[in-house]
Amino acid sequence: MTDDIPDIAKDAAKDNTLGRLGQHVQGDGHTGTLMERMGIRIQEVSAEGARGTMPVEGNVQPYGILHGGANAVLAETLGSYAASVHAGEGRAAVGIELNCTHHRAARSGIVTGVARAIQLGGSLACYEIVVTDEHDKRLCTARLTCLVRERPPAL
């Protein structure tokens, strides 16, 4: 773990929450993950939601604006992390449906995604994720549904 990790992530690491969720996102030296390549930083995670950021730079499409798929990756990452906390020890959450509505473009800066639980059940967890720019303008609204199940031995 590195010193640039927010305190909330450090606290989660103490109780092994991030260990269960993939602490490599926080920059412990593992390379090659999509979240790392896109520069996603997780700031908060709980069963009720998650917050994280992503730079626009490096995540643009040919017109020089934030790629819609980048919004989708940020949204699914945040919702999946929250759903994994909801699932709890010995269980896993996997995304089964994601939809995104793109409202406006971003050309630079950092975008922030906030996932909020819509429904937390025994077998499904559903989150709304809102992505905004540095001026708090809504760029994307997404909804993610995750299947909650027993964790396979290999995970």
Protein backbone atom coordinates (compact mmCIF):
# COMPACT_ATOMS: atom_id res chain seq x y z
CA MET A 1 0.00 0.00 0.00
CA THR A 2 1.26 3.50 -0.70
CA ASP A 3 1.06 6.75 1.26
CA ASP A 4 -1.21 8.43 -1.32
CA ILE A 5 -4.09 6.12 -0.41
CA PRO A 6 -6.94 7.93 1.36
CA ASP A 7 -7.36 7.07 5.06
CA ILE A 8 -10.69 5.34 4.42
CA ALA A 9 -8.94 2.90 2.08
CA LYS A 10 -6.22 2.31 4.68
CA ASP A 11 -8.92 1.58 7.29
CA ALA A 12 -10.59 -0.86 4.92
CA ALA A 13 -7.23 -2.55 4.36
CA LYS A 14 -6.90 -3.13 8.12
CA ASP A 15 -10.08 -5.22 8.21
CA ASN A 16 -9.12 -6.88 4.89
CA THR A 17 -12.04 -5.32 2.96
CA LEU A 18 -9.77 -4.17 0.15
CA GLY A 19 -7.87 -7.44 0.34
CA ARG A 20 -11.08 -9.23 -0.50
CA LEU A 21 -11.91 -6.69 -3.20
CA GLY A 22 -8.53 -6.43 -4.91
CA GLN A 23 -6.21 -4.01 -3.15
CA HIS A 24 -4.04 -3.95 -6.30
CA VAL A 25 -6.26 -1.08 -7.47
CA GLN A 26 -4.71 1.02 -4.74
CA GLY A 27 -1.23 0.74 -6.24
CA ASP A 28 0.58 -1.93 -4.26
CA GLY A 29 2.84 -2.68 -7.21
CA HIS A 30 0.62 -5.03 -9.21
CA THR A 31 0.35 -3.95 -12.82
CA GLY A 32 -1.88 -4.75 -15.71
CA THR A 33 -5.34 -4.18 -14.22
CA LEU A 34 -7.86 -2.14 -16.16
CA MET A 35 -8.42 0.14 -13.18
CA GLU A 36 -4.71 0.89 -12.97
CA ARG A 37 -4.44 1.54 -16.71
CA MET A 38 -7.34 3.98 -16.53
CA GLY A 39 -6.04 5.72 -13.42
CA ILE A 40 -9.06 4.90 -11.25
CA ARG A 41 -8.56 5.70 -7.56
CA ILE A 42 -11.01 4.32 -5.02
CA GLN A 43 -11.70 6.80 -2.20
CA GLU A 44 -14.56 5.22 -0.23
CA VAL A 45 -16.22 1.81 -0.20
CA SER A 46 -19.15 0.49 1.84
CA ALA A 47 -22.12 -1.75 1.11
CA GLU A 48 -24.21 1.41 0.63
CA GLY A 49 -21.92 2.86 -2.02
CA ALA A 50 -18.51 3.88 -3.23
CA ARG A 51 -16.65 6.95 -4.49
CA GLY A 52 -13.70 7.14 -6.86
CA THR A 53 -11.97 9.30 -9.43
CA MET A 54 -10.52 8.88 -12.90
CA PRO A 55 -8.51 11.26 -15.11
CA VAL A 56 -9.91 12.28 -18.48
CA GLU A 57 -6.41 12.32 -19.95
CA GLY A 58 -5.58 8.92 -21.39
CA ASN A 59 -9.26 7.89 -21.43
CA VAL A 60 -10.50 9.84 -24.43
CA GLN A 61 -11.97 8.80 -27.75
CA PRO A 62 -10.77 10.16 -31.13
CA TYR A 63 -12.68 13.45 -30.75
CA GLY A 64 -10.68 14.25 -27.62
CA ILE A 65 -13.54 13.77 -25.16
CA LEU A 66 -13.91 11.26 -22.35
CA HIS A 67 -14.77 7.88 -23.84
CA GLY A 68 -18.22 6.60 -22.90
CA GLY A 69 -16.67 3.23 -22.18
CA ALA A 70 -14.41 4.90 -19.60
CA ASN A 71 -17.53 6.14 -17.79
CA ALA A 72 -18.84 2.58 -17.88
CA VAL A 73 -15.61 1.15 -16.45
CA LEU A 74 -15.63 3.68 -13.61
CA ALA A 75 -19.31 2.99 -12.90
CA GLU A 76 -18.94 -0.80 -12.90
CA THR A 77 -15.80 -0.62 -10.76
CA LEU A 78 -17.49 1.47 -8.07
CA GLY A 79 -20.73 -0.50 -8.04
CA SER A 80 -18.90 -3.82 -8.01
CA TYR A 81 -16.69 -2.80 -5.09
CA ALA A 82 -19.74 -1.73 -3.07
CA ALA A 83 -21.63 -4.92 -4.00
CA SER A 84 -18.64 -6.99 -2.91
CA VAL A 85 -18.71 -5.37 0.51
CA HIS A 86 -22.46 -6.05 0.67
CA ALA A 87 -21.85 -9.69 -0.30
CA GLY A 88 -19.58 -10.15 2.70
CA GLU A 89 -16.94 -12.70 3.62
CA GLY A 90 -17.02 -15.91 1.60
CA ARG A 91 -19.35 -14.45 -1.03
CA ALA A 92 -18.74 -12.64 -4.30
CA ALA A 93 -20.60 -10.08 -6.39
CA VAL A 94 -20.40 -10.07 -10.17
CA GLY A 95 -21.95 -7.55 -12.54
CA ILE A 96 -24.74 -8.93 -14.67
CA GLU A 97 -26.18 -5.74 -16.17
CA LEU A 98 -24.84 -2.24 -16.74
CA ASN A 99 -26.51 0.64 -18.54
CA CYS A 100 -25.17 4.15 -18.99
CA THR A 101 -26.70 7.39 -20.18
CA HIS A 102 -24.11 9.96 -21.25
CA HIS A 103 -25.29 13.53 -20.65
CA ARG A 104 -22.31 15.71 -21.56
CA ALA A 105 -18.65 15.53 -22.54
CA ALA A 106 -15.47 16.16 -20.56
CA ARG A 107 -12.24 17.19 -22.27
CA SER A 108 -9.87 17.47 -19.33
CA GLY A 109 -9.50 17.15 -15.59
CA ILE A 110 -10.64 14.50 -13.18
CA VAL A 111 -14.09 12.94 -13.08
CA THR A 112 -15.69 11.60 -9.92
CA GLY A 113 -18.06 8.67 -9.68
CA VAL A 114 -20.41 8.07 -6.77
CA ALA A 115 -22.28 4.79 -6.44
CA ARG A 116 -25.37 4.61 -4.20
CA ALA A 117 -27.29 1.46 -3.39
CA ILE A 118 -30.78 1.19 -4.85
CA GLN A 119 -31.52 -2.32 -3.56
CA LEU A 120 -29.43 -4.68 -1.42
CA GLY A 121 -30.78 -8.21 -1.38
CA GLY A 122 -29.55 -11.70 -0.68
CA SER A 123 -28.93 -12.54 -4.33
CA LEU A 124 -28.91 -9.17 -6.13
CA ALA A 125 -27.48 -5.74 -5.41
CA CYS A 126 -28.33 -2.73 -7.57
CA TYR A 127 -26.53 0.63 -7.63
CA GLU A 128 -26.97 3.99 -9.33
CA ILE A 129 -23.66 5.56 -10.25
CA VAL A 130 -23.36 9.25 -11.14
CA VAL A 131 -20.21 10.54 -12.82
CA THR A 132 -19.52 14.28 -12.59
CA ASP A 133 -16.79 16.64 -13.74
CA GLU A 134 -14.73 19.04 -11.63
CA HIS A 135 -17.58 21.60 -11.82
CA ASP A 136 -20.08 19.07 -10.45
CA LYS A 137 -21.79 18.80 -13.85
CA ARG A 138 -23.33 15.37 -14.44
CA LEU A 139 -21.58 13.53 -17.27
CA CYS A 140 -23.13 10.09 -16.94
CA THR A 141 -25.81 8.24 -15.03
CA ALA A 142 -25.38 4.47 -14.82
CA ARG A 143 -27.15 1.58 -13.15
CA LEU A 144 -25.39 -1.65 -12.25
CA THR A 145 -26.98 -4.90 -11.11
CA CYS A 146 -24.73 -7.48 -9.48
CA LEU A 147 -25.41 -11.12 -8.72
CA VAL A 148 -24.41 -12.02 -5.16
CA ARG A 149 -23.35 -15.65 -4.71
CA GLU A 150 -21.07 -17.96 -2.80
CA ARG A 151 -17.47 -17.29 -3.69
CA PRO A 152 -15.92 -20.04 -5.83
CA PRO A 153 -12.72 -21.48 -4.31
CA ALA A 154 -10.55 -19.97 -7.07
CA LEU A 155 -11.59 -16.35 -6.33
